[in-house]
N, C-alpha and C. Protein backbone atom coordinates (compact mmCIF):
# COMPACT_ATOMS: atom_id res chain seq x y z
N MET A 1 97.26 114.34 104.63
CA MET A 1 97.24 115.74 104.26
C MET A 1 98.48 116.02 103.43
N ASN A 2 98.25 116.61 102.27
CA ASN A 2 99.41 116.95 101.43
C ASN A 2 99.85 118.39 101.71
N ALA A 3 100.91 118.80 101.06
CA ALA A 3 101.51 120.11 101.33
C ALA A 3 100.55 121.26 101.05
N GLU A 4 99.83 121.18 99.94
CA GLU A 4 98.90 122.27 99.59
C GLU A 4 97.78 122.38 100.61
N GLU A 5 97.26 121.25 101.07
CA GLU A 5 96.21 121.27 102.08
C GLU A 5 96.74 121.85 103.40
N PHE A 6 97.96 121.51 103.73
CA PHE A 6 98.54 122.03 104.97
C PHE A 6 98.75 123.54 104.89
N VAL A 7 99.26 124.02 103.77
CA VAL A 7 99.46 125.46 103.59
C VAL A 7 98.12 126.19 103.63
N ARG A 8 97.12 125.61 102.98
CA ARG A 8 95.78 126.21 102.99
C ARG A 8 95.22 126.25 104.42
N ALA A 9 95.39 125.17 105.15
CA ALA A 9 94.92 125.11 106.54
C ALA A 9 95.62 126.16 107.39
N ALA A 10 96.93 126.32 107.21
CA ALA A 10 97.69 127.32 107.97
C ALA A 10 97.19 128.72 107.65
N SER A 11 96.91 128.99 106.39
CA SER A 11 96.40 130.30 105.99
C SER A 11 95.05 130.59 106.62
N LYS A 12 94.17 129.58 106.63
CA LYS A 12 92.85 129.75 107.25
C LYS A 12 92.98 130.00 108.75
N MET A 13 93.90 129.28 109.39
CA MET A 13 94.12 129.50 110.82
C MET A 13 94.58 130.93 111.07
N ALA A 14 95.48 131.42 110.25
CA ALA A 14 95.97 132.79 110.40
C ALA A 14 94.85 133.80 110.19
N GLU A 15 94.00 133.57 109.18
CA GLU A 15 92.87 134.46 108.91
C GLU A 15 91.92 134.53 110.10
N ARG A 16 91.74 133.40 110.79
CA ARG A 16 90.84 133.35 111.95
C ARG A 16 91.52 133.81 113.23
N GLY A 17 92.78 134.15 113.15
CA GLY A 17 93.49 134.60 114.35
C GLY A 17 93.97 133.46 115.23
N GLU A 18 94.00 132.25 114.70
CA GLU A 18 94.48 131.10 115.46
C GLU A 18 96.00 131.01 115.36
N THR A 19 96.64 132.04 115.84
CA THR A 19 98.10 132.07 115.78
C THR A 19 98.65 132.32 117.18
N ASN A 20 99.91 132.08 117.31
CA ASN A 20 100.62 132.44 118.53
C ASN A 20 102.01 132.88 118.12
N ARG A 21 102.89 133.03 119.06
CA ARG A 21 104.23 133.55 118.76
C ARG A 21 105.31 132.55 119.15
N LEU A 22 106.34 132.50 118.33
CA LEU A 22 107.54 131.77 118.72
C LEU A 22 108.28 132.60 119.76
N LYS A 23 109.26 132.03 120.39
CA LYS A 23 110.03 132.75 121.41
C LYS A 23 110.68 134.00 120.84
N ASN A 24 111.01 133.99 119.54
CA ASN A 24 111.65 135.16 118.93
C ASN A 24 110.63 136.20 118.45
N GLY A 25 109.33 135.92 118.65
CA GLY A 25 108.28 136.88 118.29
C GLY A 25 107.62 136.62 116.96
N ASP A 26 108.14 135.69 116.16
CA ASP A 26 107.54 135.40 114.86
C ASP A 26 106.14 134.80 115.03
N VAL A 27 105.25 135.10 114.09
CA VAL A 27 103.89 134.55 114.09
C VAL A 27 103.95 133.08 113.70
N ALA A 28 103.20 132.25 114.43
CA ALA A 28 103.25 130.80 114.20
C ALA A 28 101.86 130.19 114.37
N ILE A 29 101.73 128.97 113.88
CA ILE A 29 100.53 128.18 114.13
C ILE A 29 100.93 126.96 114.96
N SER A 30 99.95 126.42 115.68
CA SER A 30 100.19 125.22 116.47
C SER A 30 99.97 123.98 115.62
N VAL A 31 100.84 123.00 115.79
CA VAL A 31 100.76 121.77 115.02
C VAL A 31 101.07 120.56 115.92
N SER A 32 100.73 119.40 115.41
CA SER A 32 101.16 118.13 116.00
C SER A 32 102.08 117.46 114.99
N VAL A 33 103.18 116.96 115.46
CA VAL A 33 104.10 116.20 114.62
C VAL A 33 103.91 114.73 115.00
N PHE A 34 103.66 113.91 113.98
CA PHE A 34 103.34 112.51 114.18
C PHE A 34 104.49 111.62 113.72
N TYR A 35 104.84 110.67 114.56
CA TYR A 35 105.87 109.67 114.26
C TYR A 35 105.14 108.41 113.79
N PRO A 36 105.07 108.15 112.47
CA PRO A 36 104.22 107.08 111.95
C PRO A 36 104.78 105.66 112.09
N GLU A 37 106.06 105.54 112.36
CA GLU A 37 106.64 104.20 112.48
C GLU A 37 106.08 103.49 113.70
N LYS A 38 105.62 102.26 113.51
CA LYS A 38 105.07 101.49 114.63
C LYS A 38 106.19 101.08 115.57
N LEU A 39 105.98 101.33 116.85
CA LEU A 39 106.96 100.94 117.86
C LEU A 39 106.47 99.67 118.56
N ALA A 40 107.30 98.66 118.55
CA ALA A 40 106.94 97.38 119.17
C ALA A 40 107.45 97.33 120.61
N ILE A 41 107.20 98.39 121.34
CA ILE A 41 107.66 98.50 122.72
C ILE A 41 106.42 98.55 123.61
N LYS A 42 106.35 97.68 124.58
CA LYS A 42 105.16 97.62 125.44
C LYS A 42 105.20 98.62 126.58
N SER A 43 106.36 98.84 127.15
CA SER A 43 106.49 99.73 128.30
C SER A 43 106.25 101.18 127.89
N ARG A 44 105.32 101.84 128.58
CA ARG A 44 105.02 103.25 128.30
C ARG A 44 106.24 104.13 128.52
N VAL A 45 106.97 103.86 129.58
CA VAL A 45 108.16 104.64 129.91
C VAL A 45 109.21 104.50 128.80
N GLU A 46 109.41 103.28 128.34
CA GLU A 46 110.40 103.04 127.28
C GLU A 46 109.93 103.65 125.96
N ARG A 47 108.63 103.55 125.66
CA ARG A 47 108.10 104.17 124.42
C ARG A 47 108.34 105.68 124.44
N LYS A 48 108.09 106.29 125.59
CA LYS A 48 108.28 107.74 125.70
C LYS A 48 109.75 108.09 125.51
N ARG A 49 110.65 107.30 126.09
CA ARG A 49 112.08 107.55 125.94
C ARG A 49 112.50 107.44 124.47
N VAL A 50 112.02 106.41 123.79
CA VAL A 50 112.36 106.20 122.38
C VAL A 50 111.78 107.32 121.51
N LEU A 51 110.53 107.69 121.76
CA LEU A 51 109.91 108.77 120.99
C LEU A 51 110.65 110.09 121.21
N LYS A 52 110.97 110.40 122.45
CA LYS A 52 111.66 111.66 122.75
C LYS A 52 113.01 111.71 122.03
N LYS A 53 113.74 110.61 122.09
CA LYS A 53 115.04 110.54 121.41
C LYS A 53 114.87 110.70 119.90
N SER A 54 113.90 109.99 119.32
CA SER A 54 113.67 110.06 117.88
C SER A 54 113.23 111.45 117.44
N PHE A 55 112.28 112.04 118.18
CA PHE A 55 111.84 113.40 117.84
C PHE A 55 113.00 114.38 117.94
N ARG A 56 113.78 114.31 119.00
CA ARG A 56 114.92 115.22 119.15
C ARG A 56 115.89 115.09 117.98
N GLU A 57 116.24 113.85 117.63
CA GLU A 57 117.18 113.62 116.53
C GLU A 57 116.66 114.18 115.21
N LYS A 58 115.37 114.03 114.97
CA LYS A 58 114.80 114.45 113.69
C LYS A 58 114.43 115.92 113.63
N LEU A 59 114.18 116.54 114.79
CA LEU A 59 113.64 117.90 114.78
C LEU A 59 114.60 119.00 115.21
N VAL A 60 115.65 118.65 115.92
CA VAL A 60 116.52 119.68 116.49
C VAL A 60 117.10 120.61 115.43
N ASP A 61 117.46 120.10 114.27
CA ASP A 61 118.06 120.94 113.23
C ASP A 61 117.04 121.85 112.55
N LEU A 62 115.75 121.63 112.76
CA LEU A 62 114.72 122.47 112.14
C LEU A 62 114.31 123.64 113.02
N GLN A 63 114.80 123.67 114.24
CA GLN A 63 114.41 124.75 115.14
C GLN A 63 114.87 126.12 114.63
N SER A 64 116.01 126.16 113.98
CA SER A 64 116.50 127.44 113.44
C SER A 64 115.70 127.90 112.22
N GLU A 65 114.87 127.01 111.69
CA GLU A 65 114.07 127.34 110.51
C GLU A 65 112.63 127.69 110.84
N GLY A 66 112.31 127.78 112.13
CA GLY A 66 110.97 128.21 112.51
C GLY A 66 110.10 127.13 113.11
N LEU A 67 110.71 126.08 113.63
CA LEU A 67 109.96 125.03 114.31
C LEU A 67 110.34 125.06 115.78
N GLU A 68 109.33 125.21 116.64
CA GLU A 68 109.55 125.21 118.09
C GLU A 68 108.79 124.02 118.66
N VAL A 69 109.51 123.07 119.23
CA VAL A 69 108.92 121.83 119.71
C VAL A 69 108.86 121.83 121.22
N ASP A 70 107.73 121.39 121.76
CA ASP A 70 107.57 121.23 123.20
C ASP A 70 107.72 119.74 123.52
N PHE A 71 108.93 119.31 123.82
CA PHE A 71 109.21 117.90 124.03
C PHE A 71 108.52 117.34 125.28
N ASP A 72 107.96 118.19 126.10
CA ASP A 72 107.22 117.73 127.28
C ASP A 72 105.79 117.30 126.92
N THR A 73 105.40 117.44 125.66
CA THR A 73 104.03 117.10 125.26
C THR A 73 103.96 115.79 124.47
N ILE A 74 104.98 114.99 124.53
CA ILE A 74 104.98 113.73 123.77
C ILE A 74 103.85 112.83 124.25
N SER A 75 103.08 112.35 123.29
CA SER A 75 102.01 111.38 123.56
C SER A 75 102.51 110.01 123.12
N THR A 76 102.57 109.07 124.06
CA THR A 76 103.04 107.74 123.71
C THR A 76 101.99 106.96 122.92
N SER A 77 100.73 107.19 123.21
CA SER A 77 99.68 106.45 122.49
C SER A 77 99.49 107.00 121.08
N GLY A 78 99.56 108.32 120.93
CA GLY A 78 99.39 108.93 119.62
C GLY A 78 100.68 109.08 118.84
N GLN A 79 101.81 108.88 119.53
CA GLN A 79 103.14 109.06 118.93
C GLN A 79 103.29 110.44 118.29
N THR A 80 102.87 111.45 119.06
CA THR A 80 102.93 112.83 118.58
C THR A 80 103.66 113.71 119.58
N VAL A 81 104.04 114.89 119.09
CA VAL A 81 104.57 115.94 119.94
C VAL A 81 103.99 117.26 119.43
N GLU A 82 103.71 118.17 120.35
CA GLU A 82 103.15 119.47 119.98
C GLU A 82 104.28 120.43 119.61
N ALA A 83 103.98 121.29 118.65
CA ALA A 83 104.99 122.24 118.19
C ALA A 83 104.31 123.49 117.63
N LYS A 84 105.13 124.48 117.33
CA LYS A 84 104.68 125.68 116.63
C LYS A 84 105.54 125.82 115.38
N VAL A 85 104.90 126.27 114.30
CA VAL A 85 105.59 126.47 113.03
C VAL A 85 105.44 127.92 112.61
N ARG A 86 106.56 128.57 112.35
CA ARG A 86 106.52 129.95 111.85
C ARG A 86 105.69 129.99 110.57
N LEU A 87 104.77 130.92 110.50
CA LEU A 87 103.84 131.01 109.38
C LEU A 87 104.57 131.08 108.03
N GLU A 88 105.65 131.82 107.97
CA GLU A 88 106.39 131.97 106.71
C GLU A 88 107.14 130.69 106.31
N SER A 89 107.27 129.75 107.23
CA SER A 89 108.03 128.53 106.96
C SER A 89 107.16 127.29 106.81
N VAL A 90 105.86 127.48 106.74
CA VAL A 90 104.91 126.36 106.75
C VAL A 90 105.24 125.35 105.64
N ARG A 91 105.37 125.82 104.42
CA ARG A 91 105.59 124.89 103.28
C ARG A 91 106.95 124.20 103.38
N SER A 92 107.99 124.96 103.64
CA SER A 92 109.33 124.34 103.66
C SER A 92 109.47 123.35 104.81
N LEU A 93 108.87 123.67 105.96
CA LEU A 93 108.95 122.74 107.09
C LEU A 93 108.10 121.49 106.84
N PHE A 94 106.97 121.64 106.19
CA PHE A 94 106.17 120.48 105.82
C PHE A 94 107.02 119.52 104.98
N ASP A 95 107.68 120.06 103.97
CA ASP A 95 108.51 119.24 103.08
C ASP A 95 109.66 118.58 103.83
N LYS A 96 110.30 119.33 104.70
CA LYS A 96 111.45 118.79 105.44
C LYS A 96 111.02 117.70 106.43
N LEU A 97 109.86 117.88 107.04
CA LEU A 97 109.36 116.85 107.95
C LEU A 97 109.00 115.58 107.18
N GLN A 98 108.44 115.74 106.00
CA GLN A 98 108.13 114.57 105.17
C GLN A 98 109.41 113.83 104.80
N GLN A 99 110.45 114.57 104.48
CA GLN A 99 111.73 113.93 104.15
C GLN A 99 112.29 113.15 105.33
N LYS A 100 111.93 113.54 106.53
CA LYS A 100 112.38 112.85 107.74
C LYS A 100 111.39 111.77 108.19
N SER A 101 110.44 111.45 107.31
CA SER A 101 109.41 110.43 107.57
C SER A 101 108.53 110.78 108.77
N LEU A 102 108.24 112.06 108.92
CA LEU A 102 107.32 112.53 109.95
C LEU A 102 106.13 113.19 109.27
N GLU A 103 105.00 113.21 109.95
CA GLU A 103 103.81 113.87 109.43
C GLU A 103 103.48 115.05 110.33
N ILE A 104 102.85 116.06 109.75
CA ILE A 104 102.52 117.27 110.50
C ILE A 104 101.06 117.63 110.23
N TYR A 105 100.35 117.98 111.30
CA TYR A 105 98.94 118.32 111.21
C TYR A 105 98.67 119.59 111.98
N PRO A 106 97.82 120.48 111.45
CA PRO A 106 97.48 121.70 112.17
C PRO A 106 96.61 121.41 113.40
N ASN A 107 96.83 122.15 114.46
CA ASN A 107 95.99 122.07 115.65
C ASN A 107 95.04 123.26 115.63
N SER A 108 93.85 123.03 115.11
CA SER A 108 92.87 124.08 114.97
C SER A 108 91.61 123.72 115.74
N LYS A 109 90.91 124.74 116.18
CA LYS A 109 89.64 124.53 116.86
C LYS A 109 88.53 124.28 115.84
N HIS A 110 88.82 124.52 114.59
CA HIS A 110 87.83 124.38 113.51
C HIS A 110 88.33 123.37 112.48
N GLN A 111 87.40 122.88 111.67
CA GLN A 111 87.83 122.05 110.55
C GLN A 111 88.54 122.96 109.58
N VAL A 112 89.73 122.56 109.13
CA VAL A 112 90.55 123.48 108.35
C VAL A 112 90.66 123.10 106.87
N ILE A 113 90.07 122.01 106.45
CA ILE A 113 90.19 121.62 105.04
C ILE A 113 88.92 121.94 104.31
């Protein structure tokens, strides 16, 4: 998914009312952040520890820009974490996550593309 597709998907989600709120009250959409680097770790516990550390290191500085991450939702098999993105920051956060070698996908109940 490229930036334009992601922005379009976020807009469609907002039009359908598929939004929620950040802790500060800003309107947001739900997303999954994907860690694409293959981890050669067999232990589930160790994979989760490595993913949590990596996500924290890469995402903590983006929280002030409208990204709210739920670190308790890390999936070791999917290498994802659930988050919310402020609607007004969708494009800039997409770009910043790409720069950090992470991928972001909308969590919608409908096909969004």
